[in-house]
Amino acid sequence: MVKIGIQGAKGSFSEEACKKFALDHGIDKFEIVYQISSETVLNSIETENTDYGIIAMENAQGGVVIESIEALAKYKCTIVEMFHISVDQNLLGVKGTNVGDITEIHSHQQALRQCKDFLSEYFWTRPLIEENDTAESARRLSEGKLPKTSAVIANKACAELYGLDILKESIHDLKHNLTLFLGLTKLKQL
């Protein structure tokens, strides 16, 4: 069984990217290892705890993913593939929450950047709180680890997965919101 580590939680865009990577490379039987951070993904490849890793590198709106650059500078790996996936950001909340009830918004720095025009128009007085992962934020909200009046920005898949309501769909600023992902493996010695 091929192990693929991803920079994200269950329901993340990294999980979507992982499935595309596996399909593109004919990997039928694989296990996704949810590692949240780029550094954990690269460390796991280098120590051979996973066969491949998937990390986000750059978003058309949000720019370069700094944590991925820092991890690539620290660990040795081989880039197998560079590919884009379409990223559809959504505002999610606890069931029964109205947009007007929202007191703060949690998500990954990249998601907050990708939705800055939407956020400045509707939530300019609310705190924006950076988290490690979009899907992880959704999970934490669903488990009551964030205030009930919080909202998160995440993939639509997280609404069903974590029992949240979609308060607003497709809130990203760019119509074609693409993120560049890298498929990585251990550096081969000559």
C-alpha atoms as a PDB file:
ATOM      1  CA  MET A   1       0.000   0.000   0.000  1.00  0.00           C
ATOM      2  CA  VAL A   2       1.440   3.365  -1.073  1.00  0.00           C
ATOM      3  CA  LYS A   3       1.445   6.019   1.672  1.00  0.00           C
ATOM      4  CA  ILE A   4       0.908   9.630   0.610  1.00  0.00           C
ATOM      5  CA  GLY A   5       1.375  12.385   3.190  1.00  0.00           C
ATOM      6  CA  ILE A   6      -0.558  15.605   2.684  1.00  0.00           C
ATOM      7  CA  GLN A   7      -0.383  19.129   4.010  1.00  0.00           C
ATOM      8  CA  GLY A   8      -3.939  19.174   5.300  1.00  0.00           C
ATOM      9  CA  ALA A   9      -6.727  17.411   7.170  1.00  0.00           C
ATOM     10  CA  LYS A  10      -9.614  15.252   5.955  1.00  0.00           C
ATOM     11  CA  GLY A  11     -11.719  17.372   3.566  1.00  0.00           C
ATOM     12  CA  SER A  12      -8.845  19.690   2.621  1.00  0.00           C
ATOM     13  CA  PHE A  13      -7.881  20.830  -0.862  1.00  0.00           C
ATOM     14  CA  SER A  14      -4.639  18.871  -0.321  1.00  0.00           C
ATOM     15  CA  GLU A  15      -6.734  15.701  -0.042  1.00  0.00           C
ATOM     16  CA  GLU A  16      -8.344  16.570  -3.387  1.00  0.00           C
ATOM     17  CA  ALA A  17      -4.871  17.191  -4.865  1.00  0.00           C
ATOM     18  CA  CYS A  18      -3.661  13.843  -3.476  1.00  0.00           C
ATOM     19  CA  LYS A  19      -6.461  11.952  -5.217  1.00  0.00           C
ATOM     20  CA  LYS A  20      -5.636  13.694  -8.513  1.00  0.00           C
ATOM     21  CA  PHE A  21      -1.933  12.875  -8.083  1.00  0.00           C
ATOM     22  CA  ALA A  22      -2.679   9.190  -7.392  1.00  0.00           C
ATOM     23  CA  LEU A  23      -4.986   8.990 -10.422  1.00  0.00           C
ATOM     24  CA  ASP A  24      -2.423  10.731 -12.680  1.00  0.00           C
ATOM     25  CA  HIS A  25       0.269   8.243 -11.621  1.00  0.00           C
ATOM     26  CA  GLY A  26      -1.843   5.077 -11.722  1.00  0.00           C
ATOM     27  CA  ILE A  27      -1.640   4.558  -7.962  1.00  0.00           C
ATOM     28  CA  ASP A  28      -4.771   2.508  -7.210  1.00  0.00           C
ATOM     29  CA  LYS A  29      -4.138   1.453  -3.623  1.00  0.00           C
ATOM     30  CA  PHE A  30      -2.987   4.244  -1.373  1.00  0.00           C
ATOM     31  CA  GLU A  31      -3.391   5.513   2.151  1.00  0.00           C
ATOM     32  CA  ILE A  32      -3.625   9.245   2.805  1.00  0.00           C
ATOM     33  CA  VAL A  33      -1.658  10.369   5.847  1.00  0.00           C
ATOM     34  CA  TYR A  34      -3.063  13.693   7.112  1.00  0.00           C
ATOM     35  CA  GLN A  35       0.016  15.620   8.240  1.00  0.00           C
ATOM     36  CA  ILE A  36      -1.313  19.229   8.304  1.00  0.00           C
ATOM     37  CA  SER A  37       2.039  21.020   7.760  1.00  0.00           C
ATOM     38  CA  SER A  38       4.466  21.074   4.828  1.00  0.00           C
ATOM     39  CA  GLU A  39       7.360  20.422   7.190  1.00  0.00           C
ATOM     40  CA  THR A  40       5.749  17.237   8.540  1.00  0.00           C
ATOM     41  CA  VAL A  41       5.084  16.046   4.965  1.00  0.00           C
ATOM     42  CA  LEU A  42       8.707  16.588   3.884  1.00  0.00           C
ATOM     43  CA  ASN A  43      10.167  15.099   7.061  1.00  0.00           C
ATOM     44  CA  SER A  44       8.004  12.015   6.542  1.00  0.00           C
ATOM     45  CA  ILE A  45       9.278  11.608   2.956  1.00  0.00           C
ATOM     46  CA  GLU A  46      12.908  12.014   4.009  1.00  0.00           C
ATOM     47  CA  THR A  47      12.538   9.479   6.859  1.00  0.00           C
ATOM     48  CA  GLU A  48      10.661   7.116   4.497  1.00  0.00           C
ATOM     49  CA  ASN A  49       7.496   7.030   6.636  1.00  0.00           C
ATOM     50  CA  THR A  50       5.571   7.962   3.464  1.00  0.00           C
ATOM     51  CA  ASP A  51       6.259   7.216  -0.194  1.00  0.00           C
ATOM     52  CA  TYR A  52       4.985  10.535  -1.563  1.00  0.00           C
ATOM     53  CA  GLY A  53       3.962  13.936  -0.277  1.00  0.00           C
ATOM     54  CA  ILE A  54       1.558  16.589  -1.531  1.00  0.00           C
ATOM     55  CA  ILE A  55       2.032  20.253  -0.593  1.00  0.00           C
ATOM     56  CA  ALA A  56       0.549  23.520  -1.834  1.00  0.00           C
ATOM     57  CA  MET A  57       3.098  25.917  -3.356  1.00  0.00           C
ATOM     58  CA  GLU A  58       1.255  28.926  -4.703  1.00  0.00           C
ATOM     59  CA  ASN A  59      -2.228  30.290  -5.202  1.00  0.00           C
ATOM     60  CA  ALA A  60      -3.168  32.679  -8.011  1.00  0.00           C
ATOM     61  CA  GLN A  61      -4.655  35.154  -5.485  1.00  0.00           C
ATOM     62  CA  GLY A  62      -2.961  34.294  -2.179  1.00  0.00           C
ATOM     63  CA  GLY A  63       0.582  34.044  -3.545  1.00  0.00           C
ATOM     64  CA  VAL A  64       3.382  31.753  -2.409  1.00  0.00           C
ATOM     65  CA  VAL A  65       2.771  29.376   0.518  1.00  0.00           C
ATOM     66  CA  ILE A  66       5.635  30.457   2.794  1.00  0.00           C
ATOM     67  CA  GLU A  67       5.518  27.336   4.998  1.00  0.00           C
ATOM     68  CA  SER A  68       6.115  25.180   1.890  1.00  0.00           C
ATOM     69  CA  ILE A  69       9.116  27.272   0.782  1.00  0.00           C
ATOM     70  CA  GLU A  70      10.621  27.024   4.286  1.00  0.00           C
ATOM     71  CA  ALA A  71      10.085  23.236   4.377  1.00  0.00           C
ATOM     72  CA  LEU A  72      11.644  22.760   0.914  1.00  0.00           C
ATOM     73  CA  ALA A  73      14.705  24.721   2.083  1.00  0.00           C
ATOM     74  CA  LYS A  74      15.080  22.391   5.068  1.00  0.00           C
ATOM     75  CA  TYR A  75      14.526  18.925   3.531  1.00  0.00           C
ATOM     76  CA  LYS A  76      15.753  17.099   0.429  1.00  0.00           C
ATOM     77  CA  CYS A  77      13.216  15.634  -1.980  1.00  0.00           C
ATOM     78  CA  THR A  78      12.455  15.054  -5.650  1.00  0.00           C
ATOM     79  CA  ILE A  79       9.595  16.864  -7.373  1.00  0.00           C
ATOM     80  CA  VAL A  80       7.567  14.215  -9.216  1.00  0.00           C
ATOM     81  CA  GLU A  81       4.898  16.556 -10.568  1.00  0.00           C
ATOM     82  CA  MET A  82       3.679  20.154 -10.438  1.00  0.00           C
ATOM     83  CA  PHE A  83      -0.064  20.525 -11.040  1.00  0.00           C
ATOM     84  CA  HIS A  84      -2.979  22.894 -10.428  1.00  0.00           C
ATOM     85  CA  ILE A  85      -6.364  22.244  -8.880  1.00  0.00           C
ATOM     86  CA  SER A  86      -9.307  24.605  -8.764  1.00  0.00           C
ATOM     87  CA  VAL A  87      -9.962  25.881  -5.238  1.00  0.00           C
ATOM     88  CA  ASP A  88     -13.519  26.845  -4.302  1.00  0.00           C
ATOM     89  CA  GLN A  89     -13.565  28.643  -0.934  1.00  0.00           C
ATOM     90  CA  ASN A  90     -16.801  28.685   1.089  1.00  0.00           C
ATOM     91  CA  LEU A  91     -17.957  30.259   4.334  1.00  0.00           C
ATOM     92  CA  LEU A  92     -19.083  27.511   6.737  1.00  0.00           C
ATOM     93  CA  GLY A  93     -20.786  27.777  10.116  1.00  0.00           C
ATOM     94  CA  VAL A  94     -22.503  25.706  12.789  1.00  0.00           C
ATOM     95  CA  LYS A  95     -25.970  24.516  11.712  1.00  0.00           C
ATOM     96  CA  GLY A  96     -28.565  27.263  12.211  1.00  0.00           C
ATOM     97  CA  THR A  97     -26.020  30.110  12.176  1.00  0.00           C
ATOM     98  CA  ASN A  98     -26.825  33.203  10.121  1.00  0.00           C
ATOM     99  CA  VAL A  99     -24.182  35.353   8.441  1.00  0.00           C
ATOM    100  CA  GLY A 100     -25.136  38.230  10.753  1.00  0.00           C
ATOM    101  CA  ASP A 101     -24.333  36.088  13.822  1.00  0.00           C
ATOM    102  CA  ILE A 102     -20.663  35.635  12.858  1.00  0.00           C
ATOM    103  CA  THR A 103     -18.227  37.224  15.349  1.00  0.00           C
ATOM    104  CA  GLU A 104     -14.919  35.881  13.948  1.00  0.00           C
ATOM    105  CA  ILE A 105     -13.571  33.939  10.970  1.00  0.00           C
ATOM    106  CA  HIS A 106     -10.952  31.173  11.123  1.00  0.00           C
ATOM    107  CA  SER A 107      -8.949  29.646   8.277  1.00  0.00           C
ATOM    108  CA  HIS A 108      -5.496  29.128   6.798  1.00  0.00           C
ATOM    109  CA  GLN A 109      -3.655  32.335   5.891  1.00  0.00           C
ATOM    110  CA  GLN A 110      -3.923  31.433   2.194  1.00  0.00           C
ATOM    111  CA  ALA A 111      -7.729  31.073   2.330  1.00  0.00           C
ATOM    112  CA  LEU A 112      -8.059  34.409   4.138  1.00  0.00           C
ATOM    113  CA  ARG A 113      -5.923  36.039   1.405  1.00  0.00           C
ATOM    114  CA  GLN A 114      -7.945  34.414  -1.374  1.00  0.00           C
ATOM    115  CA  CYS A 115     -11.155  35.898   0.056  1.00  0.00           C
ATOM    116  CA  LYS A 116      -9.878  39.326   1.136  1.00  0.00           C
ATOM    117  CA  ASP A 117     -12.335  41.371  -0.974  1.00  0.00           C
ATOM    118  CA  PHE A 118     -15.306  39.337   0.279  1.00  0.00           C
ATOM    119  CA  LEU A 119     -14.092  39.570   3.878  1.00  0.00           C
ATOM    120  CA  SER A 120     -13.459  43.312   3.705  1.00  0.00           C
ATOM    121  CA  GLU A 121     -16.935  43.881   2.264  1.00  0.00           C
ATOM    122  CA  TYR A 122     -18.920  41.718   4.718  1.00  0.00           C
ATOM    123  CA  PHE A 123     -16.725  41.222   7.783  1.00  0.00           C
ATOM    124  CA  TRP A 124     -14.403  44.213   7.988  1.00  0.00           C
ATOM    125  CA  THR A 125     -15.092  44.642  11.728  1.00  0.00           C
ATOM    126  CA  ARG A 126     -14.620  40.939  12.628  1.00  0.00           C
ATOM    127  CA  PRO A 127     -11.310  39.339  13.605  1.00  0.00           C
ATOM    128  CA  LEU A 128      -9.717  37.028  11.023  1.00  0.00           C
ATOM    129  CA  ILE A 129      -7.850  34.262  12.828  1.00  0.00           C
ATOM    130  CA  GLU A 130      -5.131  32.291  11.044  1.00  0.00           C
ATOM    131  CA  GLU A 131      -5.175  28.522  11.518  1.00  0.00           C
ATOM    132  CA  ASN A 132      -2.914  25.659  10.317  1.00  0.00           C
ATOM    133  CA  ASP A 133      -5.413  24.270   7.820  1.00  0.00           C
ATOM    134  CA  THR A 134      -8.817  25.083   6.312  1.00  0.00           C
ATOM    135  CA  ALA A 135     -10.291  21.614   6.913  1.00  0.00           C
ATOM    136  CA  GLU A 136      -8.797  21.415  10.397  1.00  0.00           C
ATOM    137  CA  SER A 137     -10.582  24.705  11.215  1.00  0.00           C
ATOM    138  CA  ALA A 138     -13.865  23.172  10.041  1.00  0.00           C
ATOM    139  CA  ARG A 139     -13.292  20.079  12.183  1.00  0.00           C
ATOM    140  CA  ARG A 140     -12.511  22.204  15.248  1.00  0.00           C
ATOM    141  CA  LEU A 141     -15.659  24.303  14.721  1.00  0.00           C
ATOM    142  CA  SER A 142     -17.798  21.176  14.444  1.00  0.00           C
ATOM    143  CA  GLU A 143     -16.305  19.772  17.664  1.00  0.00           C
ATOM    144  CA  GLY A 144     -17.045  22.952  19.627  1.00  0.00           C
ATOM    145  CA  LYS A 145     -13.360  23.910  19.939  1.00  0.00           C
ATOM    146  CA  LEU A 146     -14.133  27.310  18.369  1.00  0.00           C
ATOM    147  CA  PRO A 147     -16.920  29.662  19.511  1.00  0.00           C
ATOM    148  CA  LYS A 148     -20.337  28.756  17.998  1.00  0.00           C
ATOM    149  CA  THR A 149     -20.490  32.225  16.422  1.00  0.00           C
ATOM    150  CA  SER A 150     -17.285  31.556  14.461  1.00  0.00           C
ATOM    151  CA  ALA A 151     -17.249  30.804  10.764  1.00  0.00           C
ATOM    152  CA  VAL A 152     -14.525  29.062   8.784  1.00  0.00           C
ATOM    153  CA  ILE A 153     -13.401  29.311   5.185  1.00  0.00           C
ATOM    154  CA  ALA A 154     -12.986  25.845   3.701  1.00  0.00           C
ATOM    155  CA  ASN A 155     -13.781  23.353   0.958  1.00  0.00           C
ATOM    156  CA  LYS A 156     -17.484  22.492   0.385  1.00  0.00           C
ATOM    157  CA  ALA A 157     -16.644  18.879   1.239  1.00  0.00           C
ATOM    158  CA  CYS A 158     -16.033  19.992   4.841  1.00  0.00           C
ATOM    159  CA  ALA A 159     -19.670  21.052   5.264  1.00  0.00           C
ATOM    160  CA  GLU A 160     -20.934  17.493   4.784  1.00  0.00           C
ATOM    161  CA  LEU A 161     -17.933  15.843   6.423  1.00  0.00           C
ATOM    162  CA  TYR A 162     -18.169  17.912   9.620  1.00  0.00           C
ATOM    163  CA  GLY A 163     -21.916  18.653   9.695  1.00  0.00           C
ATOM    164  CA  LEU A 164     -21.642  22.389   9.014  1.00  0.00           C
ATOM    165  CA  ASP A 165     -23.862  24.736   7.004  1.00  0.00           C
ATOM    166  CA  ILE A 166     -22.598  26.510   3.889  1.00  0.00           C
ATOM    167  CA  LEU A 167     -23.361  30.152   4.722  1.00  0.00           C
ATOM    168  CA  LYS A 168     -21.923  31.582   1.462  1.00  0.00           C
ATOM    169  CA  GLU A 169     -20.589  29.688  -1.559  1.00  0.00           C
ATOM    170  CA  SER A 170     -17.572  30.507  -3.737  1.00  0.00           C
ATOM    171  CA  ILE A 171     -16.359  33.516  -1.745  1.00  0.00           C
ATOM    172  CA  HIS A 172     -12.858  33.646  -3.276  1.00  0.00           C
ATOM    173  CA  ASP A 173     -12.000  36.832  -5.154  1.00  0.00           C
ATOM    174  CA  LEU A 174     -10.642  35.286  -8.373  1.00  0.00           C
ATOM    175  CA  LYS A 175     -13.128  33.602 -10.698  1.00  0.00           C
ATOM    176  CA  HIS A 176     -10.591  30.875 -11.584  1.00  0.00           C
ATOM    177  CA  ASN A 177      -8.924  30.319  -8.213  1.00  0.00           C
ATOM    178  CA  LEU A 178      -6.114  27.856  -8.924  1.00  0.00           C
ATOM    179  CA  THR A 179      -3.528  26.491  -6.516  1.00  0.00           C
ATOM    180  CA  LEU A 180      -0.240  24.933  -7.606  1.00  0.00           C
ATOM    181  CA  PHE A 181       0.556  21.691  -5.781  1.00  0.00           C
ATOM    182  CA  LEU A 182       3.737  19.619  -5.778  1.00  0.00           C
ATOM    183  CA  GLY A 183       3.881  15.843  -5.728  1.00  0.00           C
ATOM    184  CA  LEU A 184       7.132  14.895  -3.985  1.00  0.00           C
ATOM    185  CA  THR A 185       9.162  11.792  -3.156  1.00  0.00           C
ATOM    186  CA  LYS A 186      12.470  10.967  -1.463  1.00  0.00           C
ATOM    187  CA  LEU A 187      15.608  12.313  -3.125  1.00  0.00           C
ATOM    188  CA  LYS A 188      17.233   9.491  -5.077  1.00  0.00           C
ATOM    189  CA  GLN A 189      20.975   9.109  -4.483  1.00  0.00           C
ATOM    190  CA  LEU A 190      23.160   8.570  -7.557  1.00  0.00           C
END
